[in-house]
Amino acid sequence: MVTLEQALDTVSKLPLEQQEMLLAIMKSRLIEIRRQEIARDAKEAISAFHQGQLLPKSVTEVITELRKTLLDNE
């Protein structure tokens, strides 16, 4: 397994143009991975809702819960 330090060292030896290409490729891959995670989470939430595990809430309730969660995580 290659360490992060080894990978960075190898990348730093590439010409600048190839480093930029690598950065663009990695950004695209990370975006796609995140998209897949969001899609999976959405499918799970929809399934839970259809199974009655989640109840409908007003926008105000949702926003209040989100704010509370954000404050609790700080």
Protein backbone atom coordinates (compact mmCIF):
# COMPACT_ATOMS: atom_id res chain seq x y z
CA MET A 1 0.00 0.00 0.00
CA VAL A 2 1.28 3.45 -0.91
CA THR A 3 1.32 6.04 1.85
CA LEU A 4 -0.09 9.51 1.35
CA GLU A 5 3.41 10.95 1.62
CA GLN A 6 4.67 8.60 -1.11
CA ALA A 7 1.75 9.49 -3.36
CA LEU A 8 2.33 13.22 -2.87
CA ASP A 9 6.02 12.77 -3.59
CA THR A 10 5.26 10.88 -6.79
CA VAL A 11 2.69 13.47 -7.91
CA SER A 12 5.10 16.33 -7.23
CA LYS A 13 7.49 14.76 -9.76
CA LEU A 14 4.92 14.99 -12.54
CA PRO A 15 4.89 17.97 -14.89
CA LEU A 16 2.52 20.73 -13.76
CA GLU A 17 0.04 19.99 -16.57
CA GLN A 18 -0.24 16.35 -15.48
CA GLN A 19 -0.64 17.41 -11.84
CA GLU A 20 -3.54 19.63 -12.90
CA MET A 21 -5.06 16.77 -14.91
CA LEU A 22 -4.73 14.46 -11.91
CA LEU A 23 -6.41 17.04 -9.69
CA ALA A 24 -9.32 17.36 -12.14
CA ILE A 25 -9.68 13.58 -12.35
CA MET A 26 -9.66 13.20 -8.56
CA LYS A 27 -12.22 15.98 -8.13
CA SER A 28 -14.51 14.29 -10.65
CA ARG A 29 -14.13 10.93 -8.93
CA LEU A 30 -14.85 12.40 -5.51
CA ILE A 31 -17.93 14.20 -6.84
CA GLU A 32 -19.21 10.93 -8.31
CA ILE A 33 -18.56 9.03 -5.07
CA ARG A 34 -20.44 11.71 -3.12
CA ARG A 35 -23.32 11.58 -5.65
CA GLN A 36 -23.58 7.83 -5.14
CA GLU A 37 -23.62 8.29 -1.35
CA ILE A 38 -26.39 10.89 -1.61
CA ALA A 39 -28.42 8.63 -3.92
CA ARG A 40 -28.00 5.69 -1.54
CA ASP A 41 -29.03 7.79 1.45
CA ALA A 42 -32.06 9.11 -0.43
CA LYS A 43 -33.17 5.59 -1.37
CA GLU A 44 -32.82 4.48 2.24
CA ALA A 45 -34.82 7.49 3.45
CA ILE A 46 -37.58 6.91 0.91
CA SER A 47 -37.73 3.24 1.87
CA ALA A 48 -37.90 4.13 5.58
CA PHE A 49 -40.67 6.64 4.86
CA HIS A 50 -42.70 4.06 2.91
CA GLN A 51 -42.26 1.58 5.77
CA GLY A 52 -43.63 4.12 8.22
CA GLN A 53 -40.33 4.66 9.99
CA LEU A 54 -40.35 8.37 9.11
CA LEU A 55 -43.29 10.69 9.56
CA PRO A 56 -44.15 13.73 7.46
CA LYS A 57 -43.15 17.04 9.09
CA SER A 58 -43.66 20.68 8.36
CA VAL A 59 -40.84 22.75 6.93
CA THR A 60 -40.61 24.64 10.23
CA GLU A 61 -40.14 21.39 12.17
CA VAL A 62 -37.46 20.17 9.77
CA ILE A 63 -35.54 23.45 9.90
CA THR A 64 -35.73 23.52 13.71
CA GLU A 65 -34.38 19.96 13.91
CA LEU A 66 -31.60 20.71 11.43
CA ARG A 67 -30.53 23.79 13.40
CA LYS A 68 -30.54 21.80 16.63
CA THR A 69 -28.44 19.06 15.04
CA LEU A 70 -25.96 21.59 13.70
CA LEU A 71 -25.65 23.29 17.08
CA ASP A 72 -25.25 19.95 18.87
CA ASN A 73 -22.42 18.96 16.51
CA GLU A 74 -20.37 22.11 17.15
